[in-house]
PDB file of N, CA and C in Angstrom:
ATOM      1  N   MET A   1     -14.028   3.934 -24.015  1.00  0.00           N
ATOM      2  CA  MET A   1     -14.358   3.551 -23.934  1.00  0.00           C
ATOM      3  C   MET A   1     -16.080   4.432 -24.182  1.00  0.00           C
ATOM      4  N   ASN A   2     -17.224   3.137 -24.838  1.00  0.00           N
ATOM      5  CA  ASN A   2     -18.775   3.843 -24.485  1.00  0.00           C
ATOM      6  C   ASN A   2     -20.228   3.303 -23.876  1.00  0.00           C
ATOM      7  N   ILE A   3     -20.208   3.236 -23.061  1.00  0.00           N
ATOM      8  CA  ILE A   3     -21.632   2.407 -22.871  1.00  0.00           C
ATOM      9  C   ILE A   3     -22.950   2.952 -23.013  1.00  0.00           C
ATOM     10  N   GLN A   4     -23.881   1.615 -23.201  1.00  0.00           N
ATOM     11  CA  GLN A   4     -25.135   2.529 -22.866  1.00  0.00           C
ATOM     12  C   GLN A   4     -26.342   1.526 -23.132  1.00  0.00           C
ATOM     13  N   GLN A   5     -27.553   1.306 -22.731  1.00  0.00           N
ATOM     14  CA  GLN A   5     -28.072  -0.096 -22.576  1.00  0.00           C
ATOM     15  C   GLN A   5     -29.872   0.359 -23.022  1.00  0.00           C
ATOM     16  N   ILE A   6     -29.902  -1.003 -23.478  1.00  0.00           N
ATOM     17  CA  ILE A   6     -31.753  -0.331 -24.567  1.00  0.00           C
ATOM     18  C   ILE A   6     -32.160  -1.488 -24.041  1.00  0.00           C
ATOM     19  N   SER A   7     -33.868  -1.586 -23.483  1.00  0.00           N
ATOM     20  CA  SER A   7     -33.866  -3.005 -23.043  1.00  0.00           C
ATOM     21  C   SER A   7     -35.357  -2.993 -24.558  1.00  0.00           C
ATOM     22  N   TRP A   8     -35.730  -4.175 -24.132  1.00  0.00           N
ATOM     23  CA  TRP A   8     -36.945  -4.468 -24.636  1.00  0.00           C
ATOM     24  C   TRP A   8     -37.521  -5.733 -23.450  1.00  0.00           C
ATOM     25  N   ASP A   9     -39.683  -5.210 -23.834  1.00  0.00           N
ATOM     26  CA  ASP A   9     -39.916  -5.945 -23.635  1.00  0.00           C
ATOM     27  C   ASP A   9     -41.785  -5.959 -23.622  1.00  0.00           C
ATOM     28  N   LYS A  10     -42.664  -6.996 -23.561  1.00  0.00           N
ATOM     29  CA  LYS A  10     -43.939  -7.407 -24.322  1.00  0.00           C
ATOM     30  C   LYS A  10     -44.916  -6.350 -24.525  1.00  0.00           C
ATOM     31  N   LYS A  11     -44.244  -5.520 -23.056  1.00  0.00           N
ATOM     32  CA  LYS A  11     -45.657  -4.303 -23.261  1.00  0.00           C
ATOM     33  C   LYS A  11     -45.198  -2.870 -23.456  1.00  0.00           C
ATOM     34  N   ASN A  12     -44.275  -2.627 -23.680  1.00  0.00           N
ATOM     35  CA  ASN A  12     -43.202  -1.073 -24.164  1.00  0.00           C
ATOM     36  C   ASN A  12     -42.828  -0.776 -25.012  1.00  0.00           C
ATOM     37  N   GLY A  13     -42.219  -2.371 -26.416  1.00  0.00           N
ATOM     38  CA  GLY A  13     -41.241  -2.501 -26.811  1.00  0.00           C
ATOM     39  C   GLY A  13     -39.712  -1.531 -26.576  1.00  0.00           C
ATOM     40  N   TRP A  14     -39.355  -1.503 -27.353  1.00  0.00           N
ATOM     41  CA  TRP A  14     -37.794  -0.806 -27.288  1.00  0.00           C
ATOM     42  C   TRP A  14     -38.223   0.125 -26.751  1.00  0.00           C
ATOM     43  N   ASP A  15     -36.831   0.339 -25.882  1.00  0.00           N
ATOM     44  CA  ASP A  15     -37.157   1.417 -24.922  1.00  0.00           C
ATOM     45  C   ASP A  15     -35.979   2.292 -25.130  1.00  0.00           C
ATOM     46  N   THR A  16     -35.542   2.750 -25.892  1.00  0.00           N
ATOM     47  CA  THR A  16     -33.771   3.352 -26.453  1.00  0.00           C
ATOM     48  C   THR A  16     -33.368   4.375 -25.837  1.00  0.00           C
ATOM     49  N   LEU A  17     -32.767   5.219 -25.762  1.00  0.00           N
ATOM     50  CA  LEU A  17     -31.327   6.328 -24.746  1.00  0.00           C
ATOM     51  C   LEU A  17     -32.467   7.672 -25.746  1.00  0.00           C
ATOM     52  N   SER A  18     -32.138   8.414 -25.628  1.00  0.00           N
ATOM     53  CA  SER A  18     -32.778   9.322 -26.193  1.00  0.00           C
ATOM     54  C   SER A  18     -31.453   9.932 -27.048  1.00  0.00           C
ATOM     55  N   ASN A  19     -30.149   9.310 -27.124  1.00  0.00           N
ATOM     56  CA  ASN A  19     -28.952   9.405 -27.608  1.00  0.00           C
ATOM     57  C   ASN A  19     -28.319   8.239 -28.041  1.00  0.00           C
ATOM     58  N   PHE A  20     -29.280   8.096 -28.150  1.00  0.00           N
ATOM     59  CA  PHE A  20     -29.156   6.351 -28.776  1.00  0.00           C
ATOM     60  C   PHE A  20     -27.694   6.341 -29.967  1.00  0.00           C
ATOM     61  N   GLN A  21     -26.688   5.410 -30.103  1.00  0.00           N
ATOM     62  CA  GLN A  21     -25.951   5.528 -31.368  1.00  0.00           C
ATOM     63  C   GLN A  21     -25.763   4.072 -31.263  1.00  0.00           C
ATOM     64  N   SER A  22     -25.390   4.084 -32.855  1.00  0.00           N
ATOM     65  CA  SER A  22     -25.036   2.677 -33.365  1.00  0.00           C
ATOM     66  C   SER A  22     -24.595   2.001 -33.432  1.00  0.00           C
ATOM     67  N   THR A  23     -23.067   2.739 -33.391  1.00  0.00           N
ATOM     68  CA  THR A  23     -21.687   3.082 -33.870  1.00  0.00           C
ATOM     69  C   THR A  23     -20.964   1.662 -32.932  1.00  0.00           C
ATOM     70  N   SER A  24     -21.361   0.951 -32.257  1.00  0.00           N
ATOM     71  CA  SER A  24     -21.669   0.224 -31.186  1.00  0.00           C
ATOM     72  C   SER A  24     -20.294  -1.227 -32.263  1.00  0.00           C
ATOM     73  N   ASP A  25     -19.504  -1.362 -31.540  1.00  0.00           N
ATOM     74  CA  ASP A  25     -19.063  -2.456 -32.164  1.00  0.00           C
ATOM     75  C   ASP A  25     -19.159  -3.649 -31.546  1.00  0.00           C
ATOM     76  N   VAL A  26     -18.924  -4.610 -30.677  1.00  0.00           N
ATOM     77  CA  VAL A  26     -19.523  -4.527 -29.381  1.00  0.00           C
ATOM     78  C   VAL A  26     -20.492  -4.511 -28.774  1.00  0.00           C
ATOM     79  N   VAL A  27     -21.410  -5.998 -29.093  1.00  0.00           N
ATOM     80  CA  VAL A  27     -22.528  -5.262 -28.041  1.00  0.00           C
ATOM     81  C   VAL A  27     -22.896  -7.414 -27.456  1.00  0.00           C
ATOM     82  N   PHE A  28     -23.385  -6.574 -25.972  1.00  0.00           N
ATOM     83  CA  PHE A  28     -23.883  -8.005 -25.135  1.00  0.00           C
ATOM     84  C   PHE A  28     -25.137  -8.030 -24.776  1.00  0.00           C
ATOM     85  N   VAL A  29     -25.770  -8.754 -25.330  1.00  0.00           N
ATOM     86  CA  VAL A  29     -27.466  -9.542 -25.560  1.00  0.00           C
ATOM     87  C   VAL A  29     -28.091 -10.347 -23.989  1.00  0.00           C
ATOM     88  N   PHE A  30     -28.365 -10.076 -23.016  1.00  0.00           N
ATOM     89  CA  PHE A  30     -29.144 -10.542 -21.841  1.00  0.00           C
ATOM     90  C   PHE A  30     -30.753 -10.852 -21.933  1.00  0.00           C
ATOM     91  N   ALA A  31     -31.186 -11.950 -22.100  1.00  0.00           N
ATOM     92  CA  ALA A  31     -32.610 -12.442 -22.501  1.00  0.00           C
ATOM     93  C   ALA A  31     -32.495 -13.821 -21.454  1.00  0.00           C
ATOM     94  N   ASP A  32     -34.285 -14.031 -21.505  1.00  0.00           N
ATOM     95  CA  ASP A  32     -34.498 -15.357 -20.982  1.00  0.00           C
ATOM     96  C   ASP A  32     -34.578 -15.785 -22.191  1.00  0.00           C
ATOM     97  N   THR A  33     -34.009 -17.103 -22.354  1.00  0.00           N
ATOM     98  CA  THR A  33     -33.933 -18.063 -23.316  1.00  0.00           C
ATOM     99  C   THR A  33     -34.457 -18.111 -24.365  1.00  0.00           C
ATOM    100  N   ASP A  34     -36.790 -17.555 -23.985  1.00  0.00           N
ATOM    101  CA  ASP A  34     -37.333 -17.697 -25.354  1.00  0.00           C
ATOM    102  C   ASP A  34     -37.292 -16.881 -25.999  1.00  0.00           C
ATOM    103  N   PHE A  35     -36.318 -15.279 -25.974  1.00  0.00           N
ATOM    104  CA  PHE A  35     -35.803 -14.513 -26.725  1.00  0.00           C
ATOM    105  C   PHE A  35     -35.792 -14.438 -27.662  1.00  0.00           C
ATOM    106  N   PHE A  36     -34.813 -16.043 -27.543  1.00  0.00           N
ATOM    107  CA  PHE A  36     -33.011 -16.077 -28.708  1.00  0.00           C
ATOM    108  C   PHE A  36     -34.020 -16.781 -29.850  1.00  0.00           C
ATOM    109  N   TYR A  37     -35.146 -17.466 -29.835  1.00  0.00           N
ATOM    110  CA  TYR A  37     -35.558 -18.640 -31.318  1.00  0.00           C
ATOM    111  C   TYR A  37     -37.079 -17.553 -31.738  1.00  0.00           C
ATOM    112  N   GLN A  38     -36.891 -16.155 -31.305  1.00  0.00           N
ATOM    113  CA  GLN A  38     -37.257 -14.946 -32.600  1.00  0.00           C
ATOM    114  C   GLN A  38     -36.556 -14.660 -33.182  1.00  0.00           C
ATOM    115  N   GLU A  39     -36.682 -14.547 -34.825  1.00  0.00           N
ATOM    116  CA  GLU A  39     -35.822 -13.917 -35.472  1.00  0.00           C
ATOM    117  C   GLU A  39     -36.235 -12.666 -35.294  1.00  0.00           C
ATOM    118  N   GLU A  40     -37.170 -11.987 -35.068  1.00  0.00           N
ATOM    119  CA  GLU A  40     -37.467 -10.656 -34.967  1.00  0.00           C
ATOM    120  C   GLU A  40     -35.836  -9.682 -33.966  1.00  0.00           C
ATOM    121  N   CYS A  41     -36.230 -11.042 -32.989  1.00  0.00           N
ATOM    122  CA  CYS A  41     -35.504 -10.211 -32.022  1.00  0.00           C
ATOM    123  C   CYS A  41     -33.500 -10.115 -31.566  1.00  0.00           C
ATOM    124  N   TYR A  42     -33.276 -10.789 -33.538  1.00  0.00           N
ATOM    125  CA  TYR A  42     -32.049 -10.878 -34.215  1.00  0.00           C
ATOM    126  C   TYR A  42     -31.503  -9.857 -34.812  1.00  0.00           C
ATOM    127  N   GLN A  43     -33.536  -9.777 -35.477  1.00  0.00           N
ATOM    128  CA  GLN A  43     -33.191  -8.229 -37.221  1.00  0.00           C
ATOM    129  C   GLN A  43     -33.270  -7.295 -36.722  1.00  0.00           C
ATOM    130  N   ALA A  44     -34.096  -7.292 -35.506  1.00  0.00           N
ATOM    131  CA  ALA A  44     -34.313  -6.516 -34.575  1.00  0.00           C
ATOM    132  C   ALA A  44     -32.518  -5.428 -34.433  1.00  0.00           C
ATOM    133  N   LEU A  45     -32.017  -6.259 -34.006  1.00  0.00           N
ATOM    134  CA  LEU A  45     -30.601  -6.128 -33.156  1.00  0.00           C
ATOM    135  C   LEU A  45     -29.370  -5.374 -33.635  1.00  0.00           C
ATOM    136  N   THR A  46     -29.425  -6.271 -35.758  1.00  0.00           N
ATOM    137  CA  THR A  46     -29.189  -6.140 -36.267  1.00  0.00           C
ATOM    138  C   THR A  46     -29.121  -4.977 -37.428  1.00  0.00           C
ATOM    139  N   SER A  47     -30.538  -4.715 -36.988  1.00  0.00           N
ATOM    140  CA  SER A  47     -31.115  -3.031 -37.562  1.00  0.00           C
ATOM    141  C   SER A  47     -30.318  -1.847 -36.572  1.00  0.00           C
ATOM    142  N   PHE A  48     -29.833  -2.357 -35.606  1.00  0.00           N
ATOM    143  CA  PHE A  48     -29.584  -1.384 -34.513  1.00  0.00           C
ATOM    144  C   PHE A  48     -27.974  -1.462 -34.596  1.00  0.00           C
ATOM    145  N   TYR A  49     -28.097  -2.091 -34.383  1.00  0.00           N
ATOM    146  CA  TYR A  49     -25.876  -2.502 -34.362  1.00  0.00           C
ATOM    147  C   TYR A  49     -25.629  -3.150 -35.454  1.00  0.00           C
ATOM    148  N   PRO A  50     -25.656  -2.403 -37.194  1.00  0.00           N
ATOM    149  CA  PRO A  50     -25.092  -3.299 -37.795  1.00  0.00           C
ATOM    150  C   PRO A  50     -24.035  -3.239 -38.203  1.00  0.00           C
ATOM    151  N   LYS A  51     -22.867  -3.004 -37.505  1.00  0.00           N
ATOM    152  CA  LYS A  51     -21.507  -2.809 -37.215  1.00  0.00           C
ATOM    153  C   LYS A  51     -21.020  -4.211 -36.424  1.00  0.00           C
ATOM    154  N   ALA A  52     -21.180  -4.332 -35.772  1.00  0.00           N
ATOM    155  CA  ALA A  52     -21.364  -4.783 -34.353  1.00  0.00           C
ATOM    156  C   ALA A  52     -21.434  -6.092 -34.211  1.00  0.00           C
ATOM    157  N   ASP A  53     -20.301  -6.452 -33.450  1.00  0.00           N
ATOM    158  CA  ASP A  53     -20.169  -8.263 -33.553  1.00  0.00           C
ATOM    159  C   ASP A  53     -21.565  -8.810 -32.116  1.00  0.00           C
ATOM    160  N   ILE A  54     -22.820  -9.671 -32.412  1.00  0.00           N
ATOM    161  CA  ILE A  54     -23.215  -9.202 -31.301  1.00  0.00           C
ATOM    162  C   ILE A  54     -23.235 -10.767 -29.953  1.00  0.00           C
ATOM    163  N   ILE A  55     -23.761 -10.955 -28.879  1.00  0.00           N
ATOM    164  CA  ILE A  55     -22.361 -11.071 -27.720  1.00  0.00           C
ATOM    165  C   ILE A  55     -23.681 -12.266 -26.901  1.00  0.00           C
ATOM    166  N   SER A  56     -24.426 -13.265 -26.958  1.00  0.00           N
ATOM    167  CA  SER A  56     -25.949 -13.470 -26.391  1.00  0.00           C
ATOM    168  C   SER A  56     -25.682 -14.685 -25.302  1.00  0.00           C
ATOM    169  N   CYS A  57     -26.302 -14.420 -24.612  1.00  0.00           N
ATOM    170  CA  CYS A  57     -26.589 -15.368 -23.520  1.00  0.00           C
ATOM    171  C   CYS A  57     -28.138 -14.997 -23.071  1.00  0.00           C
ATOM    172  N   SER A  58     -28.414 -16.325 -21.930  1.00  0.00           N
ATOM    173  CA  SER A  58     -29.372 -16.507 -21.437  1.00  0.00           C
ATOM    174  C   SER A  58     -29.260 -15.938 -20.232  1.00  0.00           C
ATOM    175  N   SER A  59     -30.596 -15.694 -19.897  1.00  0.00           N
ATOM    176  CA  SER A  59     -30.562 -15.004 -17.844  1.00  0.00           C
ATOM    177  C   SER A  59     -31.863 -15.684 -17.429  1.00  0.00           C
ATOM    178  N   SER A  60     -31.297 -15.518 -16.133  1.00  0.00           N
ATOM    179  CA  SER A  60     -32.717 -15.871 -15.217  1.00  0.00           C
ATOM    180  C   SER A  60     -33.640 -14.315 -14.326  1.00  0.00           C
ATOM    181  N   GLY A  61     -31.907 -13.261 -15.209  1.00  0.00           N
ATOM    182  CA  GLY A  61     -33.069 -12.176 -14.639  1.00  0.00           C
ATOM    183  C   GLY A  61     -31.914 -11.056 -15.282  1.00  0.00           C
ATOM    184  N   ASN A  62     -32.974 -10.204 -15.902  1.00  0.00           N
ATOM    185  CA  ASN A  62     -32.029  -9.462 -16.318  1.00  0.00           C
ATOM    186  C   ASN A  62     -31.305  -7.777 -15.588  1.00  0.00           C
ATOM    187  N   ILE A  63     -30.454  -7.447 -15.095  1.00  0.00           N
ATOM    188  CA  ILE A  63     -30.181  -6.011 -14.700  1.00  0.00           C
ATOM    189  C   ILE A  63     -30.311  -4.501 -15.446  1.00  0.00           C
ATOM    190  N   ARG A  64     -30.956  -3.318 -15.103  1.00  0.00           N
ATOM    191  CA  ARG A  64     -30.913  -2.060 -16.304  1.00  0.00           C
ATOM    192  C   ARG A  64     -31.077  -1.533 -14.318  1.00  0.00           C
ATOM    193  N   ASN A  65     -29.866  -1.076 -15.290  1.00  0.00           N
ATOM    194  CA  ASN A  65     -29.501  -0.422 -14.275  1.00  0.00           C
ATOM    195  C   ASN A  65     -29.955  -0.188 -12.651  1.00  0.00           C
ATOM    196  N   ALA A  66     -30.341  -0.289 -11.718  1.00  0.00           N
ATOM    197  CA  ALA A  66     -30.477  -0.673 -10.486  1.00  0.00           C
ATOM    198  C   ALA A  66     -31.653  -1.945 -10.421  1.00  0.00           C
ATOM    199  N   LYS A  67     -32.583  -2.348 -11.623  1.00  0.00           N
ATOM    200  CA  LYS A  67     -33.269  -2.838 -11.180  1.00  0.00           C
ATOM    201  C   LYS A  67     -32.693  -4.637 -11.479  1.00  0.00           C
ATOM    202  N   VAL A  68     -33.517  -5.360 -11.050  1.00  0.00           N
ATOM    203  CA  VAL A  68     -33.539  -6.845 -11.499  1.00  0.00           C
ATOM    204  C   VAL A  68     -34.761  -6.994 -11.978  1.00  0.00           C
ATOM    205  N   SER A  69     -34.687  -7.435 -13.276  1.00  0.00           N
ATOM    206  CA  SER A  69     -36.436  -7.611 -14.127  1.00  0.00           C
ATOM    207  C   SER A  69     -36.704  -9.122 -14.900  1.00  0.00           C
ATOM    208  N   ASP A  70     -37.736  -9.764 -15.214  1.00  0.00           N
ATOM    209  CA  ASP A  70     -37.704 -11.419 -16.077  1.00  0.00           C
ATOM    210  C   ASP A  70     -38.382 -10.988 -17.153  1.00  0.00           C
ATOM    211  N   ASP A  71     -39.154 -11.709 -18.344  1.00  0.00           N
ATOM    212  CA  ASP A  71     -39.380 -11.288 -19.703  1.00  0.00           C
ATOM    213  C   ASP A  71     -38.789 -10.192 -20.289  1.00  0.00           C
ATOM    214  N   ASN A  72     -37.887 -10.383 -20.604  1.00  0.00           N
ATOM    215  CA  ASN A  72     -37.642  -8.460 -21.424  1.00  0.00           C
ATOM    216  C   ASN A  72     -35.975  -9.522 -21.933  1.00  0.00           C
ATOM    217  N   LEU A  73     -35.882  -8.417 -22.739  1.00  0.00           N
ATOM    218  CA  LEU A  73     -34.144  -8.317 -23.252  1.00  0.00           C
ATOM    219  C   LEU A  73     -33.248  -8.048 -23.030  1.00  0.00           C
ATOM    220  N   THR A  74     -32.196  -7.399 -23.260  1.00  0.00           N
ATOM    221  CA  THR A  74     -31.185  -6.404 -21.678  1.00  0.00           C
ATOM    222  C   THR A  74     -30.046  -6.136 -23.162  1.00  0.00           C
ATOM    223  N   VAL A  75     -29.585  -5.138 -23.275  1.00  0.00           N
ATOM    224  CA  VAL A  75     -28.430  -5.507 -24.229  1.00  0.00           C
ATOM    225  C   VAL A  75     -27.663  -3.819 -23.264  1.00  0.00           C
TER     226      VAL A  75
END
């Protein structure tokens, strides 16, 4: 199993890893509810992960590495 994390925020856009791979089968998305009402969000995720099942849920804070943050999307 390979694990990767990427994130998006209004200030910086998408923060992808240098060794980003789009061969995932399953993708978990955590974000504030507002992100799920934006078509651009889903379109970007399906372009990054064309073969993956995308599973999402809303959250009151997202964890990336050891940091908790709001107003972003963590994949």
